[in-house]
Amino acid sequence: MSTKELIDSIYSGNSTEIDDNFNQIMVNKVSEKLDIMRQDLSQNMFRFPKAEDFAPEPEESESAE
């Protein structure tokens, strides 16, 4: 499904096609994002953090009242 098909179904006024096209576009987008997240997770799963990653952040000084 493409955005053009969604627009065409909106133009034709067929609510069933609009719903089906929209849902298919959303399913495709979510699926693509999940694939990207899976790849990122698999690449970084066994990477051990460096010592610098655990360095404490400097504390913010509070203004005296």
PDB file of N, CA and C in Angstrom:
ATOM      1  N   MET A   1       0.832  -1.169   0.000  1.00  0.00           N
ATOM      2  CA  MET A   1       0.000   0.000   0.000  1.00  0.00           C
ATOM      3  C   MET A   1       0.881   1.237   0.000  1.00  0.00           C
ATOM      4  N   SER A   2       0.385   2.226  -0.661  1.00  0.00           N
ATOM      5  CA  SER A   2       1.126   3.473  -0.704  1.00  0.00           C
ATOM      6  C   SER A   2       0.218   4.619  -0.281  1.00  0.00           C
ATOM      7  N   THR A   3       0.844   5.732  -0.022  1.00  0.00           N
ATOM      8  CA  THR A   3       0.091   6.921   0.353  1.00  0.00           C
ATOM      9  C   THR A   3      -0.823   7.354  -0.785  1.00  0.00           C
ATOM     10  N   LYS A   4      -0.356   7.173  -2.022  1.00  0.00           N
ATOM     11  CA  LYS A   4      -1.176   7.528  -3.186  1.00  0.00           C
ATOM     12  C   LYS A   4      -2.465   6.714  -3.198  1.00  0.00           C
ATOM     13  N   GLU A   5      -2.380   5.434  -2.888  1.00  0.00           N
ATOM     14  CA  GLU A   5      -3.579   4.597  -2.843  1.00  0.00           C
ATOM     15  C   GLU A   5      -4.533   5.059  -1.740  1.00  0.00           C
ATOM     16  N   LEU A   6      -3.974   5.494  -0.616  1.00  0.00           N
ATOM     17  CA  LEU A   6      -4.802   6.023   0.460  1.00  0.00           C
ATOM     18  C   LEU A   6      -5.520   7.287   0.006  1.00  0.00           C
ATOM     19  N   ILE A   7      -4.787   8.174  -0.634  1.00  0.00           N
ATOM     20  CA  ILE A   7      -5.386   9.416  -1.124  1.00  0.00           C
ATOM     21  C   ILE A   7      -6.459   9.118  -2.164  1.00  0.00           C
ATOM     22  N   ASP A   8      -6.192   8.165  -3.048  1.00  0.00           N
ATOM     23  CA  ASP A   8      -7.191   7.791  -4.052  1.00  0.00           C
ATOM     24  C   ASP A   8      -8.462   7.254  -3.392  1.00  0.00           C
ATOM     25  N   SER A   9      -8.305   6.450  -2.347  1.00  0.00           N
ATOM     26  CA  SER A   9      -9.487   5.910  -1.672  1.00  0.00           C
ATOM     27  C   SER A   9     -10.232   7.003  -0.911  1.00  0.00           C
ATOM     28  N   ILE A  10      -9.521   7.980  -0.387  1.00  0.00           N
ATOM     29  CA  ILE A  10     -10.177   9.125   0.260  1.00  0.00           C
ATOM     30  C   ILE A  10     -10.965   9.912  -0.775  1.00  0.00           C
ATOM     31  N   TYR A  11     -10.348  10.136  -1.925  1.00  0.00           N
ATOM     32  CA  TYR A  11     -11.004  10.874  -3.004  1.00  0.00           C
ATOM     33  C   TYR A  11     -12.263  10.159  -3.487  1.00  0.00           C
ATOM     34  N   SER A  12     -12.199   8.834  -3.560  1.00  0.00           N
ATOM     35  CA  SER A  12     -13.363   8.069  -4.026  1.00  0.00           C
ATOM     36  C   SER A  12     -14.451   7.985  -2.958  1.00  0.00           C
ATOM     37  N   GLY A  13     -14.082   8.205  -1.697  1.00  0.00           N
ATOM     38  CA  GLY A  13     -15.062   8.203  -0.621  1.00  0.00           C
ATOM     39  C   GLY A  13     -15.408   6.819  -0.096  1.00  0.00           C
ATOM     40  N   ASN A  14     -14.646   5.820  -0.473  1.00  0.00           N
ATOM     41  CA  ASN A  14     -14.902   4.454  -0.025  1.00  0.00           C
ATOM     42  C   ASN A  14     -14.267   4.263   1.355  1.00  0.00           C
ATOM     43  N   SER A  15     -15.107   4.297   2.388  1.00  0.00           N
ATOM     44  CA  SER A  15     -14.576   4.257   3.757  1.00  0.00           C
ATOM     45  C   SER A  15     -13.889   2.936   4.088  1.00  0.00           C
ATOM     46  N   THR A  16     -14.345   1.843   3.508  1.00  0.00           N
ATOM     47  CA  THR A  16     -13.706   0.548   3.763  1.00  0.00           C
ATOM     48  C   THR A  16     -12.294   0.531   3.198  1.00  0.00           C
ATOM     49  N   GLU A  17     -12.126   1.043   1.976  1.00  0.00           N
ATOM     50  CA  GLU A  17     -10.787   1.109   1.371  1.00  0.00           C
ATOM     51  C   GLU A  17      -9.894   2.072   2.147  1.00  0.00           C
ATOM     52  N   ILE A  18     -10.461   3.192   2.587  1.00  0.00           N
ATOM     53  CA  ILE A  18      -9.677   4.155   3.368  1.00  0.00           C
ATOM     54  C   ILE A  18      -9.128   3.476   4.618  1.00  0.00           C
ATOM     55  N   ASP A  19      -9.998   2.788   5.337  1.00  0.00           N
ATOM     56  CA  ASP A  19      -9.605   2.109   6.568  1.00  0.00           C
ATOM     57  C   ASP A  19      -8.549   1.035   6.289  1.00  0.00           C
ATOM     58  N   ASP A  20      -8.779   0.228   5.271  1.00  0.00           N
ATOM     59  CA  ASP A  20      -7.826  -0.842   4.931  1.00  0.00           C
ATOM     60  C   ASP A  20      -6.472  -0.275   4.513  1.00  0.00           C
ATOM     61  N   ASN A  21      -6.487   0.754   3.662  1.00  0.00           N
ATOM     62  CA  ASN A  21      -5.230   1.348   3.196  1.00  0.00           C
ATOM     63  C   ASN A  21      -4.466   1.991   4.350  1.00  0.00           C
ATOM     64  N   PHE A  22      -5.173   2.731   5.197  1.00  0.00           N
ATOM     65  CA  PHE A  22      -4.526   3.375   6.331  1.00  0.00           C
ATOM     66  C   PHE A  22      -3.907   2.337   7.259  1.00  0.00           C
ATOM     67  N   ASN A  23      -4.673   1.320   7.593  1.00  0.00           N
ATOM     68  CA  ASN A  23      -4.163   0.275   8.494  1.00  0.00           C
ATOM     69  C   ASN A  23      -2.953  -0.433   7.905  1.00  0.00           C
ATOM     70  N   GLN A  24      -2.964  -0.707   6.614  1.00  0.00           N
ATOM     71  CA  GLN A  24      -1.833  -1.384   5.984  1.00  0.00           C
ATOM     72  C   GLN A  24      -0.584  -0.497   6.000  1.00  0.00           C
ATOM     73  N   ILE A  25      -0.762   0.799   5.768  1.00  0.00           N
ATOM     74  CA  ILE A  25       0.372   1.723   5.819  1.00  0.00           C
ATOM     75  C   ILE A  25       0.970   1.747   7.224  1.00  0.00           C
ATOM     76  N   MET A  26       0.117   1.791   8.240  1.00  0.00           N
ATOM     77  CA  MET A  26       0.593   1.822   9.628  1.00  0.00           C
ATOM     78  C   MET A  26       1.298   0.511   9.995  1.00  0.00           C
ATOM     79  N   VAL A  27       0.754  -0.611   9.557  1.00  0.00           N
ATOM     80  CA  VAL A  27       1.383  -1.908   9.819  1.00  0.00           C
ATOM     81  C   VAL A  27       2.781  -1.943   9.202  1.00  0.00           C
ATOM     82  N   ASN A  28       2.907  -1.444   7.981  1.00  0.00           N
ATOM     83  CA  ASN A  28       4.211  -1.418   7.312  1.00  0.00           C
ATOM     84  C   ASN A  28       5.205  -0.536   8.057  1.00  0.00           C
ATOM     85  N   LYS A  29       4.751   0.638   8.497  1.00  0.00           N
ATOM     86  CA  LYS A  29       5.653   1.550   9.209  1.00  0.00           C
ATOM     87  C   LYS A  29       6.113   0.954  10.541  1.00  0.00           C
ATOM     88  N   VAL A  30       5.193   0.362  11.277  1.00  0.00           N
ATOM     89  CA  VAL A  30       5.554  -0.244  12.561  1.00  0.00           C
ATOM     90  C   VAL A  30       6.498  -1.419  12.345  1.00  0.00           C
ATOM     91  N   SER A  31       6.226  -2.216  11.330  1.00  0.00           N
ATOM     92  CA  SER A  31       7.079  -3.365  11.027  1.00  0.00           C
ATOM     93  C   SER A  31       8.499  -2.925  10.664  1.00  0.00           C
ATOM     94  N   GLU A  32       8.615  -1.872   9.850  1.00  0.00           N
ATOM     95  CA  GLU A  32       9.934  -1.355   9.480  1.00  0.00           C
ATOM     96  C   GLU A  32      10.686  -0.862  10.715  1.00  0.00           C
ATOM     97  N   LYS A  33       9.996  -0.141  11.600  1.00  0.00           N
ATOM     98  CA  LYS A  33      10.636   0.376  12.806  1.00  0.00           C
ATOM     99  C   LYS A  33      11.083  -0.759  13.726  1.00  0.00           C
ATOM    100  N   LEU A  34      10.250  -1.782  13.867  1.00  0.00           N
ATOM    101  CA  LEU A  34      10.624  -2.929  14.698  1.00  0.00           C
ATOM    102  C   LEU A  34      11.830  -3.661  14.133  1.00  0.00           C
ATOM    103  N   ASP A  35      11.910  -3.783  12.817  1.00  0.00           N
ATOM    104  CA  ASP A  35      13.076  -4.414  12.195  1.00  0.00           C
ATOM    105  C   ASP A  35      14.342  -3.633  12.503  1.00  0.00           C
ATOM    106  N   ILE A  36      14.263  -2.314  12.425  1.00  0.00           N
ATOM    107  CA  ILE A  36      15.423  -1.472  12.728  1.00  0.00           C
ATOM    108  C   ILE A  36      15.824  -1.643  14.196  1.00  0.00           C
ATOM    109  N   MET A  37      14.833  -1.664  15.084  1.00  0.00           N
ATOM    110  CA  MET A  37      15.121  -1.830  16.512  1.00  0.00           C
ATOM    111  C   MET A  37      15.717  -3.200  16.804  1.00  0.00           C
ATOM    112  N   ARG A  38      15.233  -4.249  16.120  1.00  0.00           N
ATOM    113  CA  ARG A  38      15.792  -5.598  16.302  1.00  0.00           C
ATOM    114  C   ARG A  38      17.246  -5.644  15.863  1.00  0.00           C
ATOM    115  N   GLN A  39      17.560  -5.016  14.732  1.00  0.00           N
ATOM    116  CA  GLN A  39      18.936  -5.002  14.244  1.00  0.00           C
ATOM    117  C   GLN A  39      19.842  -4.266  15.221  1.00  0.00           C
ATOM    118  N   ASP A  40      19.373  -3.139  15.733  1.00  0.00           N
ATOM    119  CA  ASP A  40      20.159  -2.365  16.687  1.00  0.00           C
ATOM    120  C   ASP A  40      20.399  -3.172  17.960  1.00  0.00           C
ATOM    121  N   LEU A  41      19.369  -3.821  18.441  1.00  0.00           N
ATOM    122  CA  LEU A  41      19.498  -4.635  19.643  1.00  0.00           C
ATOM    123  C   LEU A  41      20.481  -5.786  19.428  1.00  0.00           C
ATOM    124  N   SER A  42      20.381  -6.455  18.294  1.00  0.00           N
ATOM    125  CA  SER A  42      21.269  -7.594  18.054  1.00  0.00           C
ATOM    126  C   SER A  42      22.722  -7.156  17.893  1.00  0.00           C
ATOM    127  N   GLN A  43      22.947  -5.956  17.369  1.00  0.00           N
ATOM    128  CA  GLN A  43      24.317  -5.466  17.219  1.00  0.00           C
ATOM    129  C   GLN A  43      24.920  -5.049  18.555  1.00  0.00           C
ATOM    130  N   ASN A  44      24.080  -4.602  19.479  1.00  0.00           N
ATOM    131  CA  ASN A  44      24.595  -4.059  20.734  1.00  0.00           C
ATOM    132  C   ASN A  44      24.360  -4.954  21.944  1.00  0.00           C
ATOM    133  N   MET A  45      23.790  -6.116  21.739  1.00  0.00           N
ATOM    134  CA  MET A  45      23.400  -6.966  22.858  1.00  0.00           C
ATOM    135  C   MET A  45      24.585  -7.367  23.738  1.00  0.00           C
ATOM    136  N   PHE A  46      25.682  -7.736  23.155  1.00  0.00           N
ATOM    137  CA  PHE A  46      26.815  -8.227  23.932  1.00  0.00           C
ATOM    138  C   PHE A  46      27.970  -7.241  23.971  1.00  0.00           C
ATOM    139  N   ARG A  47      27.694  -5.999  23.686  1.00  0.00           N
ATOM    140  CA  ARG A  47      28.705  -4.959  23.801  1.00  0.00           C
ATOM    141  C   ARG A  47      28.786  -4.538  25.253  1.00  0.00           C
ATOM    142  N   PHE A  48      29.977  -4.544  25.777  1.00  0.00           N
ATOM    143  CA  PHE A  48      30.151  -4.167  27.171  1.00  0.00           C
ATOM    144  C   PHE A  48      30.462  -2.677  27.248  1.00  0.00           C
ATOM    145  N   PRO A  49      29.841  -1.990  28.192  1.00  0.00           N
ATOM    146  CA  PRO A  49      30.065  -0.551  28.313  1.00  0.00           C
ATOM    147  C   PRO A  49      31.487  -0.245  28.777  1.00  0.00           C
ATOM    148  N   LYS A  50      31.969   0.892  28.356  1.00  0.00           N
ATOM    149  CA  LYS A  50      33.297   1.343  28.762  1.00  0.00           C
ATOM    150  C   LYS A  50      33.193   2.022  30.117  1.00  0.00           C
ATOM    151  N   ALA A  51      34.331   2.148  30.789  1.00  0.00           N
ATOM    152  CA  ALA A  51      34.355   2.776  32.112  1.00  0.00           C
ATOM    153  C   ALA A  51      33.858   4.212  32.043  1.00  0.00           C
ATOM    154  N   GLU A  52      34.112   4.904  30.935  1.00  0.00           N
ATOM    155  CA  GLU A  52      33.686   6.295  30.798  1.00  0.00           C
ATOM    156  C   GLU A  52      32.160   6.411  30.828  1.00  0.00           C
ATOM    157  N   ASP A  53      31.482   5.353  30.419  1.00  0.00           N
ATOM    158  CA  ASP A  53      30.022   5.382  30.403  1.00  0.00           C
ATOM    159  C   ASP A  53      29.444   5.438  31.805  1.00  0.00           C
ATOM    160  N   PHE A  54      30.240   5.038  32.798  1.00  0.00           N
ATOM    161  CA  PHE A  54      29.770   5.010  34.174  1.00  0.00           C
ATOM    162  C   PHE A  54      30.321   6.165  35.003  1.00  0.00           C
ATOM    163  N   ALA A  55      30.975   7.116  34.365  1.00  0.00           N
ATOM    164  CA  ALA A  55      31.529   8.250  35.098  1.00  0.00           C
ATOM    165  C   ALA A  55      30.384   9.050  35.710  1.00  0.00           C
ATOM    166  N   PRO A  56      30.528   9.424  36.976  1.00  0.00           N
ATOM    167  CA  PRO A  56      29.458  10.195  37.618  1.00  0.00           C
ATOM    168  C   PRO A  56      29.329  11.563  36.983  1.00  0.00           C
ATOM    169  N   GLU A  57      28.094  12.026  36.885  1.00  0.00           N
ATOM    170  CA  GLU A  57      27.850  13.345  36.325  1.00  0.00           C
ATOM    171  C   GLU A  57      28.114  14.372  37.415  1.00  0.00           C
ATOM    172  N   PRO A  58      28.644  15.530  37.024  1.00  0.00           N
ATOM    173  CA  PRO A  58      28.895  16.564  38.039  1.00  0.00           C
ATOM    174  C   PRO A  58      27.571  17.045  38.642  1.00  0.00           C
ATOM    175  N   GLU A  59      27.602  17.280  39.947  1.00  0.00           N
ATOM    176  CA  GLU A  59      26.391  17.715  40.628  1.00  0.00           C
ATOM    177  C   GLU A  59      26.159  19.197  40.340  1.00  0.00           C
ATOM    178  N   GLU A  60      24.891  19.534  40.197  1.00  0.00           N
ATOM    179  CA  GLU A  60      24.555  20.938  39.978  1.00  0.00           C
ATOM    180  C   GLU A  60      24.573  21.654  41.326  1.00  0.00           C
ATOM    181  N   SER A  61      25.145  22.838  41.330  1.00  0.00           N
ATOM    182  CA  SER A  61      25.159  23.584  42.579  1.00  0.00           C
ATOM    183  C   SER A  61      23.832  24.306  42.743  1.00  0.00           C
ATOM    184  N   GLU A  62      23.284  24.186  43.934  1.00  0.00           N
ATOM    185  CA  GLU A  62      22.019  24.842  44.216  1.00  0.00           C
ATOM    186  C   GLU A  62      22.282  26.245  44.703  1.00  0.00           C
ATOM    187  N   SER A  63      21.440  27.170  44.278  1.00  0.00           N
ATOM    188  CA  SER A  63      21.630  28.556  44.714  1.00  0.00           C
ATOM    189  C   SER A  63      21.188  28.706  46.163  1.00  0.00           C
ATOM    190  N   ALA A  64      21.959  29.454  46.929  1.00  0.00           N
ATOM    191  CA  ALA A  64      21.661  29.663  48.353  1.00  0.00           C
ATOM    192  C   ALA A  64      20.526  30.677  48.476  1.00  0.00           C
ATOM    193  N   GLU A  65      19.588  30.364  49.358  1.00  0.00           N
ATOM    194  CA  GLU A  65      18.461  31.279  49.557  1.00  0.00           C
ATOM    195  C   GLU A  65      18.627  32.053  50.812  1.00  0.00           C
TER     196      GLU A  65
END
